[in-house]
Amino acid sequence: MFGFSSLAQAFDLQQLSDQLAKPDVIHGNFIQEKHLRALPQPLTSKGTFVLAKNHGLLWLLKTPLQQDYRISPQGIARRDANGWQMLPNKSAGAEQNRLFLAVLQGDSSGLQRDFELSLSGDAQNWKLTLTPRSMLLKQVFNQINIDGGELVHSIELLETQGDRTLLRMQDSTSAQPLSDAEQHDFAE
């Protein structure tokens, strides 16, 4: 009866990082809702993603327009008729994408440089709250909420101007390896 409390260990950031860093490849669908103060309805985009350890993230928008992005440690590239084109690194979008990569890959040390991290829950059902440290990030975000279990389920960005972005990752699986086409996309 009395031995259970010593078995119950707190779920900490290191365990979360280890858990999120485990899969080599994650495939899934996403729905992104951008809630803008000026619009009554959110702007919704949908697509698929592939997160590959040591490669980065393929972010393949399907609706409302088709556009493929590759986010890697080298930066962000967008696919056009001539292949992958690197985008300028200075944009706010570039920061946001670097952030997504750190979150999805469980890079808590990278996140801790820029944010105060607060974790609650356990390995099957956790919530991570990021509060910006730097003045630059404080100008953009009030906070970022991330929910998940074995993998990340949702990321919510609360912006200082009152806008918010909710990103829901659905049907994520770590069971499939990279396809030849995906390997090719990361290699270019």
C-alpha atoms as a PDB file:
ATOM      1  CA  MET A   1       0.000   0.000   0.000  1.00  0.00           C
ATOM      2  CA  PHE A   2       2.683   2.473   1.009  1.00  0.00           C
ATOM      3  CA  GLY A   3       5.359   1.766  -1.613  1.00  0.00           C
ATOM      4  CA  PHE A   4       3.619   3.473  -4.545  1.00  0.00           C
ATOM      5  CA  SER A   5       4.581   7.060  -3.793  1.00  0.00           C
ATOM      6  CA  SER A   6       8.281   6.286  -4.102  1.00  0.00           C
ATOM      7  CA  LEU A   7       7.656   4.774  -7.551  1.00  0.00           C
ATOM      8  CA  ALA A   8       5.841   7.837  -8.858  1.00  0.00           C
ATOM      9  CA  GLN A   9       8.547  10.005 -10.309  1.00  0.00           C
ATOM     10  CA  ALA A  10       8.002  13.525 -11.515  1.00  0.00           C
ATOM     11  CA  PHE A  11       8.123  13.849 -15.305  1.00  0.00           C
ATOM     12  CA  ASP A  12      10.874  16.360 -16.041  1.00  0.00           C
ATOM     13  CA  LEU A  13      12.248  18.280 -19.031  1.00  0.00           C
ATOM     14  CA  GLN A  14      15.078  15.819 -19.596  1.00  0.00           C
ATOM     15  CA  GLN A  15      12.630  12.910 -19.787  1.00  0.00           C
ATOM     16  CA  LEU A  16      10.422  14.910 -22.166  1.00  0.00           C
ATOM     17  CA  SER A  17      13.419  15.745 -24.372  1.00  0.00           C
ATOM     18  CA  ASP A  18      14.510  12.105 -24.423  1.00  0.00           C
ATOM     19  CA  GLN A  19      10.973  10.974 -25.270  1.00  0.00           C
ATOM     20  CA  LEU A  20      10.537  13.465 -28.145  1.00  0.00           C
ATOM     21  CA  ALA A  21      14.043  12.817 -29.488  1.00  0.00           C
ATOM     22  CA  LYS A  22      13.511   9.036 -29.665  1.00  0.00           C
ATOM     23  CA  PRO A  23      11.793   8.569 -33.051  1.00  0.00           C
ATOM     24  CA  ASP A  24      14.036   8.835 -36.133  1.00  0.00           C
ATOM     25  CA  VAL A  25      11.123   9.805 -38.381  1.00  0.00           C
ATOM     26  CA  ILE A  26       7.644  11.133 -37.616  1.00  0.00           C
ATOM     27  CA  HIS A  27       4.937  11.464 -40.273  1.00  0.00           C
ATOM     28  CA  GLY A  28       1.626  13.157 -39.658  1.00  0.00           C
ATOM     29  CA  ASN A  29      -1.064  15.596 -40.705  1.00  0.00           C
ATOM     30  CA  PHE A  30      -1.471  19.101 -39.394  1.00  0.00           C
ATOM     31  CA  ILE A  31      -4.198  21.706 -39.162  1.00  0.00           C
ATOM     32  CA  GLN A  32      -3.019  25.241 -38.517  1.00  0.00           C
ATOM     33  CA  GLU A  33      -5.505  27.892 -37.427  1.00  0.00           C
ATOM     34  CA  LYS A  34      -4.391  31.491 -37.432  1.00  0.00           C
ATOM     35  CA  HIS A  35      -6.778  33.570 -35.314  1.00  0.00           C
ATOM     36  CA  LEU A  36      -6.381  37.230 -36.275  1.00  0.00           C
ATOM     37  CA  ARG A  37      -8.079  39.927 -34.245  1.00  0.00           C
ATOM     38  CA  ALA A  38      -9.258  41.625 -37.427  1.00  0.00           C
ATOM     39  CA  LEU A  39     -11.047  38.545 -38.810  1.00  0.00           C
ATOM     40  CA  PRO A  40     -14.124  36.769 -37.412  1.00  0.00           C
ATOM     41  CA  GLN A  41     -13.022  33.342 -38.697  1.00  0.00           C
ATOM     42  CA  PRO A  42      -9.557  31.817 -38.342  1.00  0.00           C
ATOM     43  CA  LEU A  43      -7.384  31.316 -41.419  1.00  0.00           C
ATOM     44  CA  THR A  44      -7.002  27.547 -41.651  1.00  0.00           C
ATOM     45  CA  SER A  45      -4.341  25.662 -43.527  1.00  0.00           C
ATOM     46  CA  LYS A  46      -3.853  21.908 -43.701  1.00  0.00           C
ATOM     47  CA  GLY A  47      -1.155  19.586 -44.853  1.00  0.00           C
ATOM     48  CA  THR A  48       1.299  16.893 -43.911  1.00  0.00           C
ATOM     49  CA  PHE A  49       4.670  16.930 -42.230  1.00  0.00           C
ATOM     50  CA  VAL A  50       7.736  14.725 -41.988  1.00  0.00           C
ATOM     51  CA  LEU A  51      10.151  15.250 -39.107  1.00  0.00           C
ATOM     52  CA  ALA A  52      13.438  13.411 -39.527  1.00  0.00           C
ATOM     53  CA  LYS A  53      16.148  13.325 -36.892  1.00  0.00           C
ATOM     54  CA  ASN A  54      19.412  14.798 -38.218  1.00  0.00           C
ATOM     55  CA  HIS A  55      17.614  16.196 -41.305  1.00  0.00           C
ATOM     56  CA  GLY A  56      14.861  18.587 -40.263  1.00  0.00           C
ATOM     57  CA  LEU A  57      11.231  19.108 -41.092  1.00  0.00           C
ATOM     58  CA  LEU A  58       9.300  18.869 -44.360  1.00  0.00           C
ATOM     59  CA  TRP A  59       6.165  21.001 -44.061  1.00  0.00           C
ATOM     60  CA  LEU A  60       3.838  20.293 -46.984  1.00  0.00           C
ATOM     61  CA  LEU A  61       0.874  22.638 -47.195  1.00  0.00           C
ATOM     62  CA  LYS A  62      -2.109  21.236 -49.137  1.00  0.00           C
ATOM     63  CA  THR A  63      -4.847  23.842 -48.546  1.00  0.00           C
ATOM     64  CA  PRO A  64      -5.700  26.664 -49.075  1.00  0.00           C
ATOM     65  CA  LEU A  65      -2.640  26.663 -51.345  1.00  0.00           C
ATOM     66  CA  GLN A  66      -0.017  24.065 -52.101  1.00  0.00           C
ATOM     67  CA  GLN A  67       3.440  24.985 -50.898  1.00  0.00           C
ATOM     68  CA  ASP A  68       6.316  22.838 -49.654  1.00  0.00           C
ATOM     69  CA  TYR A  69       8.824  24.018 -47.056  1.00  0.00           C
ATOM     70  CA  ARG A  70      11.942  22.394 -45.682  1.00  0.00           C
ATOM     71  CA  ILE A  71      13.182  23.551 -42.295  1.00  0.00           C
ATOM     72  CA  SER A  72      16.649  22.384 -41.357  1.00  0.00           C
ATOM     73  CA  PRO A  73      19.590  23.618 -39.284  1.00  0.00           C
ATOM     74  CA  GLN A  74      20.806  25.307 -42.505  1.00  0.00           C
ATOM     75  CA  GLY A  75      17.641  27.406 -42.692  1.00  0.00           C
ATOM     76  CA  ILE A  76      14.322  27.388 -44.469  1.00  0.00           C
ATOM     77  CA  ALA A  77      13.807  26.480 -48.098  1.00  0.00           C
ATOM     78  CA  ARG A  78      10.692  26.657 -50.237  1.00  0.00           C
ATOM     79  CA  ARG A  79      10.138  24.441 -53.254  1.00  0.00           C
ATOM     80  CA  ASP A  80       9.452  26.078 -56.618  1.00  0.00           C
ATOM     81  CA  ALA A  81       9.657  24.915 -60.245  1.00  0.00           C
ATOM     82  CA  ASN A  82      13.480  24.924 -60.028  1.00  0.00           C
ATOM     83  CA  GLY A  83      13.762  22.917 -56.828  1.00  0.00           C
ATOM     84  CA  TRP A  84      14.462  24.113 -53.284  1.00  0.00           C
ATOM     85  CA  GLN A  85      15.240  27.810 -52.766  1.00  0.00           C
ATOM     86  CA  MET A  86      16.655  29.041 -49.468  1.00  0.00           C
ATOM     87  CA  LEU A  87      14.652  31.861 -47.864  1.00  0.00           C
ATOM     88  CA  PRO A  88      16.223  34.820 -46.074  1.00  0.00           C
ATOM     89  CA  ASN A  89      16.896  33.937 -42.441  1.00  0.00           C
ATOM     90  CA  LYS A  90      15.945  37.248 -40.912  1.00  0.00           C
ATOM     91  CA  SER A  91      12.172  36.943 -41.102  1.00  0.00           C
ATOM     92  CA  ALA A  92       9.889  36.450 -38.102  1.00  0.00           C
ATOM     93  CA  GLY A  93       8.670  33.322 -39.858  1.00  0.00           C
ATOM     94  CA  ALA A  94      12.216  31.938 -39.793  1.00  0.00           C
ATOM     95  CA  GLU A  95      12.321  32.340 -36.010  1.00  0.00           C
ATOM     96  CA  GLN A  96       8.952  30.656 -35.663  1.00  0.00           C
ATOM     97  CA  ASN A  97      10.081  27.725 -37.801  1.00  0.00           C
ATOM     98  CA  ARG A  98      13.317  27.288 -35.858  1.00  0.00           C
ATOM     99  CA  LEU A  99      11.174  27.215 -32.759  1.00  0.00           C
ATOM    100  CA  PHE A 100       8.893  24.499 -34.220  1.00  0.00           C
ATOM    101  CA  LEU A 101      11.919  22.389 -35.047  1.00  0.00           C
ATOM    102  CA  ALA A 102      13.308  22.710 -31.502  1.00  0.00           C
ATOM    103  CA  VAL A 103       9.924  21.851 -29.992  1.00  0.00           C
ATOM    104  CA  LEU A 104       9.193  18.865 -32.219  1.00  0.00           C
ATOM    105  CA  GLN A 105      12.677  17.435 -31.771  1.00  0.00           C
ATOM    106  CA  GLY A 106      12.596  17.828 -27.998  1.00  0.00           C
ATOM    107  CA  ASP A 107      15.534  20.237 -27.941  1.00  0.00           C
ATOM    108  CA  SER A 108      14.850  21.684 -24.498  1.00  0.00           C
ATOM    109  CA  SER A 109      18.367  23.140 -24.172  1.00  0.00           C
ATOM    110  CA  GLY A 110      17.769  25.171 -27.337  1.00  0.00           C
ATOM    111  CA  LEU A 111      14.418  26.332 -25.983  1.00  0.00           C
ATOM    112  CA  GLN A 112      15.809  27.167 -22.539  1.00  0.00           C
ATOM    113  CA  ARG A 113      18.110  29.776 -24.068  1.00  0.00           C
ATOM    114  CA  ASP A 114      15.096  31.771 -25.234  1.00  0.00           C
ATOM    115  CA  PHE A 115      12.284  30.771 -22.866  1.00  0.00           C
ATOM    116  CA  GLU A 116      11.348  29.958 -19.312  1.00  0.00           C
ATOM    117  CA  LEU A 117       9.968  26.409 -19.485  1.00  0.00           C
ATOM    118  CA  SER A 118       7.234  25.055 -17.249  1.00  0.00           C
ATOM    119  CA  LEU A 119       6.231  21.391 -17.594  1.00  0.00           C
ATOM    120  CA  SER A 120       3.247  19.624 -16.043  1.00  0.00           C
ATOM    121  CA  GLY A 121       1.687  16.196 -16.458  1.00  0.00           C
ATOM    122  CA  ASP A 122       3.297  12.855 -17.245  1.00  0.00           C
ATOM    123  CA  ALA A 123       4.801  11.007 -20.227  1.00  0.00           C
ATOM    124  CA  GLN A 124       1.375  10.142 -21.684  1.00  0.00           C
ATOM    125  CA  ASN A 125      -0.226  13.551 -21.183  1.00  0.00           C
ATOM    126  CA  TRP A 126       1.973  16.614 -20.685  1.00  0.00           C
ATOM    127  CA  LYS A 127       1.802  20.355 -21.146  1.00  0.00           C
ATOM    128  CA  LEU A 128       4.814  22.586 -21.665  1.00  0.00           C
ATOM    129  CA  THR A 129       4.491  26.358 -21.314  1.00  0.00           C
ATOM    130  CA  LEU A 130       7.176  28.597 -22.821  1.00  0.00           C
ATOM    131  CA  THR A 131       7.460  32.181 -21.621  1.00  0.00           C
ATOM    132  CA  PRO A 132       9.881  34.359 -23.637  1.00  0.00           C
ATOM    133  CA  ARG A 133      13.060  35.613 -21.944  1.00  0.00           C
ATOM    134  CA  SER A 134      14.499  37.952 -24.611  1.00  0.00           C
ATOM    135  CA  MET A 135      13.080  41.363 -25.431  1.00  0.00           C
ATOM    136  CA  LEU A 136      12.830  40.382 -29.099  1.00  0.00           C
ATOM    137  CA  LEU A 137      10.671  37.336 -28.372  1.00  0.00           C
ATOM    138  CA  LYS A 138       8.621  39.238 -25.764  1.00  0.00           C
ATOM    139  CA  GLN A 139       7.665  41.676 -28.530  1.00  0.00           C
ATOM    140  CA  VAL A 140       6.214  38.784 -30.546  1.00  0.00           C
ATOM    141  CA  PHE A 141       4.881  36.206 -28.064  1.00  0.00           C
ATOM    142  CA  ASN A 142       3.157  36.326 -24.681  1.00  0.00           C
ATOM    143  CA  GLN A 143       3.559  32.579 -24.346  1.00  0.00           C
ATOM    144  CA  ILE A 144       3.600  29.297 -26.214  1.00  0.00           C
ATOM    145  CA  ASN A 145       1.660  26.248 -25.024  1.00  0.00           C
ATOM    146  CA  ILE A 146       2.611  22.773 -26.196  1.00  0.00           C
ATOM    147  CA  ASP A 147       0.586  19.651 -25.413  1.00  0.00           C
ATOM    148  CA  GLY A 148       1.500  16.080 -26.104  1.00  0.00           C
ATOM    149  CA  GLY A 149       1.919  12.484 -25.144  1.00  0.00           C
ATOM    150  CA  GLU A 150       4.445  10.198 -26.802  1.00  0.00           C
ATOM    151  CA  LEU A 151       4.651  12.859 -29.549  1.00  0.00           C
ATOM    152  CA  VAL A 152       3.625  16.529 -29.753  1.00  0.00           C
ATOM    153  CA  HIS A 153      -0.162  16.943 -30.227  1.00  0.00           C
ATOM    154  CA  SER A 154      -0.584  20.709 -30.424  1.00  0.00           C
ATOM    155  CA  ILE A 155       1.332  23.983 -30.325  1.00  0.00           C
ATOM    156  CA  GLU A 156      -0.424  27.239 -29.513  1.00  0.00           C
ATOM    157  CA  LEU A 157       1.335  30.564 -30.067  1.00  0.00           C
ATOM    158  CA  LEU A 158      -0.163  33.495 -28.165  1.00  0.00           C
ATOM    159  CA  GLU A 159       1.081  36.695 -29.768  1.00  0.00           C
ATOM    160  CA  THR A 160       1.388  40.064 -28.069  1.00  0.00           C
ATOM    161  CA  GLN A 161      -0.896  41.773 -30.607  1.00  0.00           C
ATOM    162  CA  GLY A 162      -3.788  39.497 -29.613  1.00  0.00           C
ATOM    163  CA  ASP A 163      -3.457  37.091 -32.533  1.00  0.00           C
ATOM    164  CA  ARG A 164      -2.942  33.404 -31.899  1.00  0.00           C
ATOM    165  CA  THR A 165      -1.923  30.387 -33.919  1.00  0.00           C
ATOM    166  CA  LEU A 166      -3.034  26.871 -33.053  1.00  0.00           C
ATOM    167  CA  LEU A 167      -1.226  24.011 -34.715  1.00  0.00           C
ATOM    168  CA  ARG A 168      -2.728  20.549 -34.264  1.00  0.00           C
ATOM    169  CA  MET A 169      -0.643  17.530 -35.250  1.00  0.00           C
ATOM    170  CA  GLN A 170      -2.872  14.583 -36.101  1.00  0.00           C
ATOM    171  CA  ASP A 171      -2.366  10.890 -36.808  1.00  0.00           C
ATOM    172  CA  SER A 172       1.341  11.236 -36.070  1.00  0.00           C
ATOM    173  CA  THR A 173       3.245   8.001 -36.395  1.00  0.00           C
ATOM    174  CA  SER A 174       6.871   7.065 -35.925  1.00  0.00           C
ATOM    175  CA  ALA A 175       6.389   3.668 -37.606  1.00  0.00           C
ATOM    176  CA  GLN A 176       7.393   4.561 -41.193  1.00  0.00           C
ATOM    177  CA  PRO A 177      10.929   5.268 -42.430  1.00  0.00           C
ATOM    178  CA  LEU A 178      11.651   8.059 -44.898  1.00  0.00           C
ATOM    179  CA  SER A 179      10.471   7.327 -48.440  1.00  0.00           C
ATOM    180  CA  ASP A 180      12.919   7.726 -51.322  1.00  0.00           C
ATOM    181  CA  ALA A 181      11.242  11.002 -52.300  1.00  0.00           C
ATOM    182  CA  GLU A 182      11.546  12.350 -48.736  1.00  0.00           C
ATOM    183  CA  GLN A 183      15.205  11.351 -48.548  1.00  0.00           C
ATOM    184  CA  HIS A 184      15.734  13.143 -51.848  1.00  0.00           C
ATOM    185  CA  ASP A 185      13.971  16.280 -50.529  1.00  0.00           C
ATOM    186  CA  PHE A 186      16.233  16.397 -47.468  1.00  0.00           C
ATOM    187  CA  ALA A 187      19.376  15.723 -49.525  1.00  0.00           C
ATOM    188  CA  GLU A 188      18.946  18.556 -52.056  1.00  0.00           C
END
